[in-house]
Amino acid sequence: QVQLVESGGGLVQPGGSLRLSCEASGNIHSGYIMGWYRQAPGKQREFVASITGDGVISSADYVRFTISRDNAKNTVYLQMNSLKPEDTAVYLCNAKYTFYTHWGQGTQVTVSS
């Protein structure tokens, strides 16, 4: 089993930045693809970014969002810059390996003045 715990969310003004962290524990290894998704009220969950154990990145916004990973700490990060009100959502950490998928509980990000 894999446990994922997110942190770093909060309230930020438009144009601000936040860094989210997701610490994985349990049967985690570098073969897992780690990623971030988000879900706003009344909307479907959407992909934000992912990173493989070898550092291959996929992202919905390469300009504003940067994903990184520390395999030694079993932690994945999401640096978010130039935040907009439409980025407001619960951000969820995800870990995938073959047919295994794990989710964290999420951390709330609110972008508002």
C-alpha atoms as a PDB file:
ATOM      1  CA  GLN A   1       0.000   0.000   0.000  1.00  0.00           C
ATOM      2  CA  VAL A   2       1.063   3.578  -0.684  1.00  0.00           C
ATOM      3  CA  GLN A   3       0.109   6.623   1.344  1.00  0.00           C
ATOM      4  CA  LEU A   4       0.295  10.132  -0.048  1.00  0.00           C
ATOM      5  CA  VAL A   5       0.177  13.271   2.091  1.00  0.00           C
ATOM      6  CA  GLU A   6      -0.037  16.684   0.468  1.00  0.00           C
ATOM      7  CA  SER A   7       0.901  19.992   2.044  1.00  0.00           C
ATOM      8  CA  GLY A   8       1.574  23.579   1.059  1.00  0.00           C
ATOM      9  CA  GLY A   9      -1.838  24.759  -0.021  1.00  0.00           C
ATOM     10  CA  GLY A  10      -3.404  27.978   1.168  1.00  0.00           C
ATOM     11  CA  LEU A  11      -4.725  31.365   0.209  1.00  0.00           C
ATOM     12  CA  VAL A  12      -2.680  33.420  -2.228  1.00  0.00           C
ATOM     13  CA  GLN A  13      -3.323  36.602  -4.176  1.00  0.00           C
ATOM     14  CA  PRO A  14      -3.523  36.576  -7.961  1.00  0.00           C
ATOM     15  CA  GLY A  15      -0.029  36.609  -9.395  1.00  0.00           C
ATOM     16  CA  GLY A  16       1.405  34.910  -6.339  1.00  0.00           C
ATOM     17  CA  SER A  17       3.180  31.591  -5.941  1.00  0.00           C
ATOM     18  CA  LEU A  18       2.781  28.426  -3.933  1.00  0.00           C
ATOM     19  CA  ARG A  19       4.827  25.267  -3.611  1.00  0.00           C
ATOM     20  CA  LEU A  20       2.950  22.073  -2.941  1.00  0.00           C
ATOM     21  CA  SER A  21       4.584  18.969  -1.538  1.00  0.00           C
ATOM     22  CA  CYS A  22       3.475  15.360  -1.580  1.00  0.00           C
ATOM     23  CA  GLU A  23       5.258  12.874   0.629  1.00  0.00           C
ATOM     24  CA  ALA A  24       4.800   9.221  -0.204  1.00  0.00           C
ATOM     25  CA  SER A  25       5.234   6.343   2.194  1.00  0.00           C
ATOM     26  CA  GLY A  26       4.693   2.624   2.157  1.00  0.00           C
ATOM     27  CA  ASN A  27       5.489   0.477  -0.856  1.00  0.00           C
ATOM     28  CA  ILE A  28       6.676   3.388  -3.012  1.00  0.00           C
ATOM     29  CA  HIS A  29       9.589   3.214  -5.440  1.00  0.00           C
ATOM     30  CA  SER A  30      11.009   5.143  -8.359  1.00  0.00           C
ATOM     31  CA  GLY A  31       8.971   3.127 -10.820  1.00  0.00           C
ATOM     32  CA  TYR A  32       5.897   5.084  -9.826  1.00  0.00           C
ATOM     33  CA  ILE A  33       4.824   8.002 -11.955  1.00  0.00           C
ATOM     34  CA  MET A  34       4.019  10.806  -9.525  1.00  0.00           C
ATOM     35  CA  GLY A  35       1.626  13.531 -10.459  1.00  0.00           C
ATOM     36  CA  TRP A  36      -0.743  16.286  -9.491  1.00  0.00           C
ATOM     37  CA  TYR A  37      -4.375  16.693 -10.401  1.00  0.00           C
ATOM     38  CA  ARG A  38      -6.862  19.306  -9.328  1.00  0.00           C
ATOM     39  CA  GLN A  39     -10.585  19.508  -8.845  1.00  0.00           C
ATOM     40  CA  ALA A  40     -12.590  22.688  -8.550  1.00  0.00           C
ATOM     41  CA  PRO A  41     -16.144  22.738  -7.175  1.00  0.00           C
ATOM     42  CA  GLY A  42     -18.595  21.466  -9.753  1.00  0.00           C
ATOM     43  CA  LYS A  43     -15.858  20.522 -12.202  1.00  0.00           C
ATOM     44  CA  GLN A  44     -14.191  17.303 -13.225  1.00  0.00           C
ATOM     45  CA  ARG A  45     -10.793  16.366 -11.916  1.00  0.00           C
ATOM     46  CA  GLU A  46      -8.101  17.521 -14.315  1.00  0.00           C
ATOM     47  CA  PHE A  47      -4.469  16.688 -14.895  1.00  0.00           C
ATOM     48  CA  VAL A  48      -1.875  19.250 -13.814  1.00  0.00           C
ATOM     49  CA  ALA A  49       1.530  17.607 -14.157  1.00  0.00           C
ATOM     50  CA  SER A  50       3.398  14.338 -13.734  1.00  0.00           C
ATOM     51  CA  ILE A  51       6.975  13.124 -13.481  1.00  0.00           C
ATOM     52  CA  THR A  52       8.536   9.715 -13.865  1.00  0.00           C
ATOM     53  CA  GLY A  53      11.279   8.323 -11.678  1.00  0.00           C
ATOM     54  CA  ASP A  54      13.732   9.233 -14.445  1.00  0.00           C
ATOM     55  CA  GLY A  55      12.519  12.828 -14.491  1.00  0.00           C
ATOM     56  CA  VAL A  56      10.379  12.803 -17.620  1.00  0.00           C
ATOM     57  CA  ILE A  57       7.757  15.508 -17.205  1.00  0.00           C
ATOM     58  CA  SER A  58       4.312  16.049 -18.602  1.00  0.00           C
ATOM     59  CA  SER A  59       2.439  19.221 -17.770  1.00  0.00           C
ATOM     60  CA  ALA A  60      -0.751  21.056 -18.565  1.00  0.00           C
ATOM     61  CA  ASP A  61       1.109  24.368 -18.148  1.00  0.00           C
ATOM     62  CA  TYR A  62       4.878  24.261 -18.621  1.00  0.00           C
ATOM     63  CA  VAL A  63       5.183  28.017 -18.140  1.00  0.00           C
ATOM     64  CA  ARG A  64       3.546  28.500 -14.760  1.00  0.00           C
ATOM     65  CA  PHE A  65       3.758  25.054 -13.116  1.00  0.00           C
ATOM     66  CA  THR A  66       6.960  23.162 -12.402  1.00  0.00           C
ATOM     67  CA  ILE A  67       6.942  19.624 -11.070  1.00  0.00           C
ATOM     68  CA  SER A  68       9.982  18.055  -9.456  1.00  0.00           C
ATOM     69  CA  ARG A  69      10.794  14.953  -7.509  1.00  0.00           C
ATOM     70  CA  ASP A  70      13.195  13.833  -4.827  1.00  0.00           C
ATOM     71  CA  ASN A  71      13.332  10.044  -4.983  1.00  0.00           C
ATOM     72  CA  ALA A  72      15.488   9.846  -1.855  1.00  0.00           C
ATOM     73  CA  LYS A  73      12.770  11.619   0.116  1.00  0.00           C
ATOM     74  CA  ASN A  74       9.864   9.996  -1.762  1.00  0.00           C
ATOM     75  CA  THR A  75       8.514  13.488  -2.275  1.00  0.00           C
ATOM     76  CA  VAL A  76       7.141  15.282  -5.311  1.00  0.00           C
ATOM     77  CA  TYR A  77       6.753  19.043  -5.521  1.00  0.00           C
ATOM     78  CA  LEU A  78       4.638  21.402  -7.570  1.00  0.00           C
ATOM     79  CA  GLN A  79       5.862  24.954  -7.877  1.00  0.00           C
ATOM     80  CA  MET A  80       3.036  27.182  -9.066  1.00  0.00           C
ATOM     81  CA  ASN A  81       3.730  30.729 -10.210  1.00  0.00           C
ATOM     82  CA  SER A  82       1.591  33.543 -11.590  1.00  0.00           C
ATOM     83  CA  LEU A  83      -1.466  32.013 -10.001  1.00  0.00           C
ATOM     84  CA  LYS A  84      -4.904  32.977 -11.258  1.00  0.00           C
ATOM     85  CA  PRO A  85      -8.321  32.790  -9.606  1.00  0.00           C
ATOM     86  CA  GLU A  86      -9.191  29.934 -11.970  1.00  0.00           C
ATOM     87  CA  ASP A  87      -6.393  27.894 -10.398  1.00  0.00           C
ATOM     88  CA  THR A  88      -8.501  27.653  -7.248  1.00  0.00           C
ATOM     89  CA  ALA A  89      -9.095  23.968  -6.550  1.00  0.00           C
ATOM     90  CA  VAL A  90      -8.228  21.036  -4.362  1.00  0.00           C
ATOM     91  CA  TYR A  91      -4.876  19.741  -5.570  1.00  0.00           C
ATOM     92  CA  LEU A  92      -4.426  15.996  -5.281  1.00  0.00           C
ATOM     93  CA  CYS A  93      -1.270  13.954  -5.431  1.00  0.00           C
ATOM     94  CA  ASN A  94      -1.308  10.795  -7.505  1.00  0.00           C
ATOM     95  CA  ALA A  95       0.997   7.798  -7.800  1.00  0.00           C
ATOM     96  CA  LYS A  96       0.710   5.294 -10.645  1.00  0.00           C
ATOM     97  CA  TYR A  97       2.553   2.053 -11.310  1.00  0.00           C
ATOM     98  CA  THR A  98       1.255  -0.494 -13.795  1.00  0.00           C
ATOM     99  CA  PHE A  99      -2.372  -1.013 -12.698  1.00  0.00           C
ATOM    100  CA  TYR A 100      -1.876   0.522  -9.242  1.00  0.00           C
ATOM    101  CA  THR A 101      -3.170   4.041  -8.635  1.00  0.00           C
ATOM    102  CA  HIS A 102      -3.087   5.892  -5.334  1.00  0.00           C
ATOM    103  CA  TRP A 103      -4.484   9.266  -4.327  1.00  0.00           C
ATOM    104  CA  GLY A 104      -3.830  11.660  -1.517  1.00  0.00           C
ATOM    105  CA  GLN A 105      -6.530  13.550   0.343  1.00  0.00           C
ATOM    106  CA  GLY A 106      -5.708  16.824  -1.362  1.00  0.00           C
ATOM    107  CA  THR A 107      -4.713  20.309  -0.327  1.00  0.00           C
ATOM    108  CA  GLN A 108      -6.821  23.388  -0.966  1.00  0.00           C
ATOM    109  CA  VAL A 109      -5.419  26.193  -3.087  1.00  0.00           C
ATOM    110  CA  THR A 110      -7.409  29.417  -3.168  1.00  0.00           C
ATOM    111  CA  VAL A 111      -6.370  32.302  -5.372  1.00  0.00           C
ATOM    112  CA  SER A 112      -8.210  35.443  -4.411  1.00  0.00           C
ATOM    113  CA  SER A 113      -7.633  39.068  -3.601  1.00  0.00           C
END
